[in-house]
Amino acid sequence: MNPFTLGLIGVGVFVVVILINAIRILPEYERGVVFRLGRLQDEPYGPGLFLLIPIVDRMVRISMRTVVHDVPPQDIITRDNVSIKVNAVVYFRVMSATKAVVEVENYHYATSQLSQTTLRSVLGQVELDELLSERDKINHELQTILDKQTDPWGIKVSSVEVKHVDLPAEMQRAMAKQAEAEREKRAKIIHAGGEAQAATTLAQAAEELAKNPSSMQLRYLQTLTEIASERNSTLIFPLPVELLRSFMK
């Protein structure tokens, strides 16, 4: 094989390597931020097939899909001085690939650190009862703060959810006693209300019977009949004089 042929083969291999390094294919969910000789290009590339200039162009791939970030448990002291551990989950996505590369060094790490500090700051200003009962309100406040602070980075925080609140053992026992006392209070209130209604009804019935003595006598005889049917033993039952006066007449 002569030197000319070898030279052609070498040139062909070089061209193939250049083309392989120049061809880029990006899927639908990715964008490519291209720097040409260090200068940012106007619009990000993708999706689809495109060519880069080897050595001259450098591309940074950015995923445009929603990222689910798990915030690790944070030690928090609430406004009423209760020490708890709280973790959360943050949903965010890149809206501007150019800003996510140019405005912040590592948008994923920056969003993670910002989520941790915001979680400690917001939950440190609420009481424990508010944290447990108004979870939706706190989630919305966290989402609003994070979305505002990450907007210059081209990041959109769509949702923040507080996942788990780890309470101390003594606080759990205190809350269990409080819940039990609350249930007993409601039970006593309901029982007292029933007693009051029963007393009112009995008073109304007594007034109606007092208006007609014959009704009282019939009620008395009905009571004697019920006792006689339920008991087999001999009973000594006082007989009111008012009941005999009608018969004496």
C-alpha atoms as a PDB file:
ATOM      1  CA  MET A   1       0.000   0.000   0.000  1.00  0.00           C
ATOM      2  CA  ASN A   2       1.533   3.254  -1.162  1.00  0.00           C
ATOM      3  CA  PRO A   3       1.820   6.411   1.006  1.00  0.00           C
ATOM      4  CA  PHE A   4      -0.882   8.191  -0.977  1.00  0.00           C
ATOM      5  CA  THR A   5      -3.469   5.534  -0.145  1.00  0.00           C
ATOM      6  CA  LEU A   6      -2.466   5.599   3.486  1.00  0.00           C
ATOM      7  CA  GLY A   7      -2.866   9.349   3.484  1.00  0.00           C
ATOM      8  CA  LEU A   8      -6.388   9.085   2.053  1.00  0.00           C
ATOM      9  CA  ILE A   9      -7.360   6.508   4.672  1.00  0.00           C
ATOM     10  CA  GLY A  10      -6.005   8.759   7.407  1.00  0.00           C
ATOM     11  CA  VAL A  11      -7.933  11.744   6.094  1.00  0.00           C
ATOM     12  CA  GLY A  12     -11.108   9.655   5.859  1.00  0.00           C
ATOM     13  CA  VAL A  13     -10.751   8.446   9.461  1.00  0.00           C
ATOM     14  CA  PHE A  14     -10.148  12.020  10.610  1.00  0.00           C
ATOM     15  CA  VAL A  15     -13.266  13.233   8.796  1.00  0.00           C
ATOM     16  CA  VAL A  16     -15.364  10.426  10.310  1.00  0.00           C
ATOM     17  CA  VAL A  17     -14.142  11.269  13.814  1.00  0.00           C
ATOM     18  CA  ILE A  18     -14.897  14.946  13.241  1.00  0.00           C
ATOM     19  CA  LEU A  19     -18.431  14.146  12.047  1.00  0.00           C
ATOM     20  CA  ILE A  20     -19.088  11.840  14.987  1.00  0.00           C
ATOM     21  CA  ASN A  21     -18.036  14.554  17.411  1.00  0.00           C
ATOM     22  CA  ALA A  22     -20.004  17.197  15.522  1.00  0.00           C
ATOM     23  CA  ILE A  23     -23.329  15.370  15.309  1.00  0.00           C
ATOM     24  CA  ARG A  24     -25.607  15.751  18.339  1.00  0.00           C
ATOM     25  CA  ILE A  25     -29.076  14.343  18.933  1.00  0.00           C
ATOM     26  CA  LEU A  26     -31.210  15.647  21.775  1.00  0.00           C
ATOM     27  CA  PRO A  27     -34.524  14.045  22.896  1.00  0.00           C
ATOM     28  CA  GLU A  28     -37.716  16.010  23.382  1.00  0.00           C
ATOM     29  CA  TYR A  29     -37.105  16.620  27.096  1.00  0.00           C
ATOM     30  CA  GLU A  30     -33.565  18.038  26.764  1.00  0.00           C
ATOM     31  CA  ARG A  31     -32.059  21.289  25.504  1.00  0.00           C
ATOM     32  CA  GLY A  32     -28.443  22.097  24.687  1.00  0.00           C
ATOM     33  CA  VAL A  33     -26.883  25.397  25.765  1.00  0.00           C
ATOM     34  CA  VAL A  34     -24.015  26.021  23.313  1.00  0.00           C
ATOM     35  CA  PHE A  35     -20.934  28.183  23.906  1.00  0.00           C
ATOM     36  CA  ARG A  36     -18.924  29.084  20.773  1.00  0.00           C
ATOM     37  CA  LEU A  37     -15.391  30.061  21.728  1.00  0.00           C
ATOM     38  CA  GLY A  38     -16.755  30.800  25.172  1.00  0.00           C
ATOM     39  CA  ARG A  39     -19.543  33.057  23.924  1.00  0.00           C
ATOM     40  CA  LEU A  40     -23.144  32.038  24.634  1.00  0.00           C
ATOM     41  CA  GLN A  41     -25.328  31.399  21.621  1.00  0.00           C
ATOM     42  CA  ASP A  42     -28.680  33.151  21.498  1.00  0.00           C
ATOM     43  CA  GLU A  43     -31.033  30.151  21.657  1.00  0.00           C
ATOM     44  CA  PRO A  44     -30.527  26.689  23.138  1.00  0.00           C
ATOM     45  CA  TYR A  45     -30.361  23.775  20.686  1.00  0.00           C
ATOM     46  CA  GLY A  46     -32.784  20.880  20.440  1.00  0.00           C
ATOM     47  CA  PRO A  47     -34.690  18.753  20.317  1.00  0.00           C
ATOM     48  CA  GLY A  48     -33.593  16.749  17.269  1.00  0.00           C
ATOM     49  CA  LEU A  49     -30.420  16.486  15.173  1.00  0.00           C
ATOM     50  CA  PHE A  50     -27.889  19.316  14.766  1.00  0.00           C
ATOM     51  CA  LEU A  51     -24.173  19.867  14.167  1.00  0.00           C
ATOM     52  CA  LEU A  52     -21.523  21.430  16.382  1.00  0.00           C
ATOM     53  CA  ILE A  53     -18.172  22.763  15.333  1.00  0.00           C
ATOM     54  CA  PRO A  54     -15.541  20.540  16.951  1.00  0.00           C
ATOM     55  CA  ILE A  55     -13.147  22.261  19.365  1.00  0.00           C
ATOM     56  CA  VAL A  56     -14.971  25.564  18.798  1.00  0.00           C
ATOM     57  CA  ASP A  57     -18.381  24.670  20.301  1.00  0.00           C
ATOM     58  CA  ARG A  58     -19.109  23.335  23.790  1.00  0.00           C
ATOM     59  CA  MET A  59     -22.595  22.156  24.730  1.00  0.00           C
ATOM     60  CA  VAL A  60     -24.214  21.738  28.165  1.00  0.00           C
ATOM     61  CA  ARG A  61     -27.226  19.401  28.311  1.00  0.00           C
ATOM     62  CA  ILE A  62     -30.177  20.513  30.457  1.00  0.00           C
ATOM     63  CA  SER A  63     -33.188  18.316  31.258  1.00  0.00           C
ATOM     64  CA  MET A  64     -36.532  20.097  31.041  1.00  0.00           C
ATOM     65  CA  ARG A  65     -38.471  17.451  32.985  1.00  0.00           C
ATOM     66  CA  THR A  66     -39.892  17.946  36.485  1.00  0.00           C
ATOM     67  CA  VAL A  67     -37.381  17.054  39.191  1.00  0.00           C
ATOM     68  CA  VAL A  68     -38.570  15.476  42.452  1.00  0.00           C
ATOM     69  CA  HIS A  69     -36.159  16.516  45.187  1.00  0.00           C
ATOM     70  CA  ASP A  70     -36.358  14.970  48.650  1.00  0.00           C
ATOM     71  CA  VAL A  71     -35.333  17.481  51.329  1.00  0.00           C
ATOM     72  CA  PRO A  72     -33.520  15.614  54.137  1.00  0.00           C
ATOM     73  CA  PRO A  73     -34.880  15.877  57.705  1.00  0.00           C
ATOM     74  CA  GLN A  74     -34.174  19.256  59.286  1.00  0.00           C
ATOM     75  CA  ASP A  75     -33.876  19.986  63.016  1.00  0.00           C
ATOM     76  CA  ILE A  76     -36.373  22.779  63.700  1.00  0.00           C
ATOM     77  CA  ILE A  77     -37.456  24.623  66.861  1.00  0.00           C
ATOM     78  CA  THR A  78     -40.996  25.931  66.464  1.00  0.00           C
ATOM     79  CA  ARG A  79     -42.242  29.252  67.794  1.00  0.00           C
ATOM     80  CA  ASP A  80     -43.574  27.548  70.941  1.00  0.00           C
ATOM     81  CA  ASN A  81     -40.097  26.006  71.592  1.00  0.00           C
ATOM     82  CA  VAL A  82     -40.793  22.434  70.493  1.00  0.00           C
ATOM     83  CA  SER A  83     -37.843  20.615  68.912  1.00  0.00           C
ATOM     84  CA  ILE A  84     -38.925  18.534  65.894  1.00  0.00           C
ATOM     85  CA  LYS A  85     -37.526  16.990  62.721  1.00  0.00           C
ATOM     86  CA  VAL A  86     -39.285  17.741  59.446  1.00  0.00           C
ATOM     87  CA  ASN A  87     -38.590  16.587  55.897  1.00  0.00           C
ATOM     88  CA  ALA A  88     -40.276  17.648  52.677  1.00  0.00           C
ATOM     89  CA  VAL A  89     -40.370  17.042  48.933  1.00  0.00           C
ATOM     90  CA  VAL A  90     -39.947  19.768  46.300  1.00  0.00           C
ATOM     91  CA  TYR A  91     -41.167  19.553  42.694  1.00  0.00           C
ATOM     92  CA  PHE A  92     -39.402  21.895  40.255  1.00  0.00           C
ATOM     93  CA  ARG A  93     -38.401  22.106  36.600  1.00  0.00           C
ATOM     94  CA  VAL A  94     -36.175  24.213  34.365  1.00  0.00           C
ATOM     95  CA  MET A  95     -38.118  26.795  32.375  1.00  0.00           C
ATOM     96  CA  SER A  96     -35.083  28.566  30.853  1.00  0.00           C
ATOM     97  CA  ALA A  97     -32.120  26.352  30.016  1.00  0.00           C
ATOM     98  CA  THR A  98     -29.916  29.385  29.346  1.00  0.00           C
ATOM     99  CA  LYS A  99     -30.518  30.920  32.791  1.00  0.00           C
ATOM    100  CA  ALA A 100     -30.060  27.557  34.520  1.00  0.00           C
ATOM    101  CA  VAL A 101     -26.526  27.393  33.061  1.00  0.00           C
ATOM    102  CA  VAL A 102     -25.441  31.037  33.086  1.00  0.00           C
ATOM    103  CA  GLU A 103     -27.067  32.453  36.240  1.00  0.00           C
ATOM    104  CA  VAL A 104     -26.163  29.675  38.708  1.00  0.00           C
ATOM    105  CA  GLU A 105     -23.271  27.228  38.890  1.00  0.00           C
ATOM    106  CA  ASN A 106     -25.313  24.136  39.815  1.00  0.00           C
ATOM    107  CA  TYR A 107     -29.055  24.759  39.790  1.00  0.00           C
ATOM    108  CA  HIS A 108     -29.940  21.400  41.325  1.00  0.00           C
ATOM    109  CA  TYR A 109     -27.594  21.847  44.311  1.00  0.00           C
ATOM    110  CA  ALA A 110     -28.591  25.491  44.721  1.00  0.00           C
ATOM    111  CA  THR A 111     -32.307  24.627  44.776  1.00  0.00           C
ATOM    112  CA  SER A 112     -31.641  21.855  47.302  1.00  0.00           C
ATOM    113  CA  GLN A 113     -29.782  24.159  49.694  1.00  0.00           C
ATOM    114  CA  LEU A 114     -32.382  26.888  49.304  1.00  0.00           C
ATOM    115  CA  SER A 115     -35.166  24.397  50.079  1.00  0.00           C
ATOM    116  CA  GLN A 116     -33.480  23.349  53.337  1.00  0.00           C
ATOM    117  CA  THR A 117     -32.899  26.887  54.585  1.00  0.00           C
ATOM    118  CA  THR A 118     -36.421  28.021  53.610  1.00  0.00           C
ATOM    119  CA  LEU A 119     -37.966  25.011  55.365  1.00  0.00           C
ATOM    120  CA  ARG A 120     -36.139  25.834  58.613  1.00  0.00           C
ATOM    121  CA  SER A 121     -36.941  29.533  58.345  1.00  0.00           C
ATOM    122  CA  VAL A 122     -40.679  29.165  57.689  1.00  0.00           C
ATOM    123  CA  LEU A 123     -41.394  26.346  60.158  1.00  0.00           C
ATOM    124  CA  GLY A 124     -39.437  28.145  62.876  1.00  0.00           C
ATOM    125  CA  GLN A 125     -42.050  30.921  62.770  1.00  0.00           C
ATOM    126  CA  VAL A 126     -45.119  28.707  63.337  1.00  0.00           C
ATOM    127  CA  GLU A 127     -46.401  26.825  66.361  1.00  0.00           C
ATOM    128  CA  LEU A 128     -46.651  23.045  66.487  1.00  0.00           C
ATOM    129  CA  ASP A 129     -50.463  22.989  66.393  1.00  0.00           C
ATOM    130  CA  GLU A 130     -50.452  25.223  63.318  1.00  0.00           C
ATOM    131  CA  LEU A 131     -47.908  22.964  61.609  1.00  0.00           C
ATOM    132  CA  LEU A 132     -50.048  19.885  62.214  1.00  0.00           C
ATOM    133  CA  SER A 133     -53.444  21.400  61.389  1.00  0.00           C
ATOM    134  CA  GLU A 134     -52.646  23.892  58.591  1.00  0.00           C
ATOM    135  CA  ARG A 135     -50.324  21.834  56.406  1.00  0.00           C
ATOM    136  CA  ASP A 136     -51.756  23.133  53.123  1.00  0.00           C
ATOM    137  CA  LYS A 137     -51.209  26.756  54.110  1.00  0.00           C
ATOM    138  CA  ILE A 138     -47.579  26.108  55.045  1.00  0.00           C
ATOM    139  CA  ASN A 139     -46.967  24.156  51.830  1.00  0.00           C
ATOM    140  CA  HIS A 140     -48.299  27.054  49.772  1.00  0.00           C
ATOM    141  CA  GLU A 141     -46.114  29.558  51.658  1.00  0.00           C
ATOM    142  CA  LEU A 142     -43.006  27.424  51.090  1.00  0.00           C
ATOM    143  CA  GLN A 143     -43.804  27.055  47.383  1.00  0.00           C
ATOM    144  CA  THR A 144     -44.322  30.803  46.955  1.00  0.00           C
ATOM    145  CA  ILE A 145     -41.011  31.710  48.636  1.00  0.00           C
ATOM    146  CA  LEU A 146     -38.966  29.108  46.743  1.00  0.00           C
ATOM    147  CA  ASP A 147     -40.539  29.969  43.394  1.00  0.00           C
ATOM    148  CA  LYS A 148     -39.766  33.658  43.850  1.00  0.00           C
ATOM    149  CA  GLN A 149     -36.131  33.049  44.827  1.00  0.00           C
ATOM    150  CA  THR A 150     -35.400  30.532  42.048  1.00  0.00           C
ATOM    151  CA  ASP A 151     -37.061  32.547  39.282  1.00  0.00           C
ATOM    152  CA  PRO A 152     -33.796  34.390  38.343  1.00  0.00           C
ATOM    153  CA  TRP A 153     -32.239  30.948  37.740  1.00  0.00           C
ATOM    154  CA  GLY A 154     -34.957  29.961  35.260  1.00  0.00           C
ATOM    155  CA  ILE A 155     -36.430  27.457  37.748  1.00  0.00           C
ATOM    156  CA  LYS A 156     -40.155  26.982  38.400  1.00  0.00           C
ATOM    157  CA  VAL A 157     -41.082  25.428  41.772  1.00  0.00           C
ATOM    158  CA  SER A 158     -44.505  23.902  41.178  1.00  0.00           C
ATOM    159  CA  SER A 159     -45.155  22.313  44.559  1.00  0.00           C
ATOM    160  CA  VAL A 160     -43.723  21.790  48.049  1.00  0.00           C
ATOM    161  CA  GLU A 161     -45.093  19.135  50.397  1.00  0.00           C
ATOM    162  CA  VAL A 162     -44.149  18.624  54.045  1.00  0.00           C
ATOM    163  CA  LYS A 163     -43.872  14.835  54.281  1.00  0.00           C
ATOM    164  CA  HIS A 164     -43.227  13.849  57.878  1.00  0.00           C
ATOM    165  CA  VAL A 165     -43.067  15.578  61.253  1.00  0.00           C
ATOM    166  CA  ASP A 166     -41.039  13.620  63.819  1.00  0.00           C
ATOM    167  CA  LEU A 167     -42.160  14.564  67.340  1.00  0.00           C
ATOM    168  CA  PRO A 168     -40.306  13.744  70.591  1.00  0.00           C
ATOM    169  CA  ALA A 169     -41.718  10.819  72.596  1.00  0.00           C
ATOM    170  CA  GLU A 170     -42.809  13.026  75.508  1.00  0.00           C
ATOM    171  CA  MET A 171     -44.635  15.345  73.112  1.00  0.00           C
ATOM    172  CA  GLN A 172     -46.461  12.395  71.560  1.00  0.00           C
ATOM    173  CA  ARG A 173     -47.637  11.248  74.988  1.00  0.00           C
ATOM    174  CA  ALA A 174     -48.767  14.770  75.892  1.00  0.00           C
ATOM    175  CA  MET A 175     -50.736  15.080  72.644  1.00  0.00           C
ATOM    176  CA  ALA A 176     -52.345  11.658  73.234  1.00  0.00           C
ATOM    177  CA  LYS A 177     -53.474  12.770  76.718  1.00  0.00           C
ATOM    178  CA  GLN A 178     -54.786  16.028  75.283  1.00  0.00           C
ATOM    179  CA  ALA A 179     -56.793  14.188  72.631  1.00  0.00           C
ATOM    180  CA  GLU A 180     -58.214  11.790  75.246  1.00  0.00           C
ATOM    181  CA  ALA A 181     -59.217  14.689  77.501  1.00  0.00           C
ATOM    182  CA  GLU A 182     -60.879  16.409  74.543  1.00  0.00           C
ATOM    183  CA  ARG A 183     -62.920  13.274  73.753  1.00  0.00           C
ATOM    184  CA  GLU A 184     -63.984  12.928  77.411  1.00  0.00           C
ATOM    185  CA  LYS A 185     -65.040  16.580  77.459  1.00  0.00           C
ATOM    186  CA  ARG A 186     -67.203  16.142  74.373  1.00  0.00           C
ATOM    187  CA  ALA A 187     -68.754  12.970  75.832  1.00  0.00           C
ATOM    188  CA  LYS A 188     -69.654  14.757  79.083  1.00  0.00           C
ATOM    189  CA  ILE A 189     -71.115  17.709  77.196  1.00  0.00           C
ATOM    190  CA  ILE A 190     -73.276  15.380  75.084  1.00  0.00           C
ATOM    191  CA  HIS A 191     -74.385  13.438  78.187  1.00  0.00           C
ATOM    192  CA  ALA A 192     -75.264  16.641  80.057  1.00  0.00           C
ATOM    193  CA  GLY A 193     -77.247  17.869  77.056  1.00  0.00           C
ATOM    194  CA  GLY A 194     -79.188  14.612  76.995  1.00  0.00           C
ATOM    195  CA  GLU A 195     -79.954  14.874  80.706  1.00  0.00           C
ATOM    196  CA  ALA A 196     -81.181  18.445  80.254  1.00  0.00           C
ATOM    197  CA  GLN A 197     -83.489  17.455  77.380  1.00  0.00           C
ATOM    198  CA  ALA A 198     -84.823  14.500  79.378  1.00  0.00           C
ATOM    199  CA  ALA A 199     -85.528  16.707  82.417  1.00  0.00           C
ATOM    200  CA  THR A 200     -87.358  19.241  80.226  1.00  0.00           C
ATOM    201  CA  THR A 201     -89.479  16.498  78.641  1.00  0.00           C
ATOM    202  CA  LEU A 202     -90.350  14.985  82.038  1.00  0.00           C
ATOM    203  CA  ALA A 203     -91.352  18.393  83.382  1.00  0.00           C
ATOM    204  CA  GLN A 204     -93.651  18.946  80.404  1.00  0.00           C
ATOM    205  CA  ALA A 205     -95.178  15.488  80.884  1.00  0.00           C
ATOM    206  CA  ALA A 206     -95.770  16.177  84.594  1.00  0.00           C
ATOM    207  CA  GLU A 207     -97.539  19.435  83.741  1.00  0.00           C
ATOM    208  CA  GLU A 208     -99.824  17.669  81.272  1.00  0.00           C
ATOM    209  CA  LEU A 209    -100.684  14.913  83.777  1.00  0.00           C
ATOM    210  CA  ALA A 210    -101.354  17.479  86.526  1.00  0.00           C
ATOM    211  CA  LYS A 211    -103.981  19.144  84.353  1.00  0.00           C
ATOM    212  CA  ASN A 212    -106.092  15.948  84.299  1.00  0.00           C
ATOM    213  CA  PRO A 213    -106.180  13.772  87.481  1.00  0.00           C
ATOM    214  CA  SER A 214    -107.775  10.893  85.569  1.00  0.00           C
ATOM    215  CA  SER A 215    -104.684  10.649  83.364  1.00  0.00           C
ATOM    216  CA  MET A 216    -102.569  10.349  86.488  1.00  0.00           C
ATOM    217  CA  GLN A 217    -104.767   7.512  87.761  1.00  0.00           C
ATOM    218  CA  LEU A 218    -104.572   5.665  84.449  1.00  0.00           C
ATOM    219  CA  ARG A 219    -100.815   6.058  84.410  1.00  0.00           C
ATOM    220  CA  TYR A 220    -100.658   4.698  87.950  1.00  0.00           C
ATOM    221  CA  LEU A 221    -102.750   1.646  87.044  1.00  0.00           C
ATOM    222  CA  GLN A 222    -100.608   1.030  83.936  1.00  0.00           C
ATOM    223  CA  THR A 223     -97.494   1.027  86.106  1.00  0.00           C
ATOM    224  CA  LEU A 224     -99.091  -1.538  88.459  1.00  0.00           C
ATOM    225  CA  THR A 225     -99.926  -3.736  85.463  1.00  0.00           C
ATOM    226  CA  GLU A 226     -96.344  -3.617  84.182  1.00  0.00           C
ATOM    227  CA  ILE A 227     -94.928  -4.504  87.594  1.00  0.00           C
ATOM    228  CA  ALA A 228     -97.352  -7.390  88.007  1.00  0.00           C
ATOM    229  CA  SER A 229     -96.442  -8.866  84.620  1.00  0.00           C
ATOM    230  CA  GLU A 230     -92.696  -8.703  85.248  1.00  0.00           C
ATOM    231  CA  ARG A 231     -92.611  -9.852  88.888  1.00  0.00           C
ATOM    232  CA  ASN A 232     -93.908 -13.133  90.335  1.00  0.00           C
ATOM    233  CA  SER A 233     -93.281 -12.255  93.963  1.00  0.00           C
ATOM    234  CA  THR A 234     -95.750 -10.432  96.194  1.00  0.00           C
ATOM    235  CA  LEU A 235     -95.364  -6.669  96.225  1.00  0.00           C
ATOM    236  CA  ILE A 236     -96.678  -4.198  98.744  1.00  0.00           C
ATOM    237  CA  PHE A 237     -97.412  -1.078  96.779  1.00  0.00           C
ATOM    238  CA  PRO A 238     -98.814   2.113  98.374  1.00  0.00           C
ATOM    239  CA  LEU A 239    -102.127   3.187  96.955  1.00  0.00           C
ATOM    240  CA  PRO A 240    -102.725   6.935  96.796  1.00  0.00           C
ATOM    241  CA  VAL A 241    -105.873   8.227  98.469  1.00  0.00           C
ATOM    242  CA  GLU A 242    -106.620  10.391  95.439  1.00  0.00           C
ATOM    243  CA  LEU A 243    -107.058   7.247  93.403  1.00  0.00           C
ATOM    244  CA  LEU A 244    -109.755   5.875  95.759  1.00  0.00           C
ATOM    245  CA  ARG A 245    -111.805   9.062  95.930  1.00  0.00           C
ATOM    246  CA  SER A 246    -113.177   8.579  92.446  1.00  0.00           C
ATOM    247  CA  PHE A 247    -114.369   5.062  93.359  1.00  0.00           C
ATOM    248  CA  MET A 248    -115.821   6.264  96.703  1.00  0.00           C
ATOM    249  CA  LYS A 249    -117.938   8.814  94.880  1.00  0.00           C
END
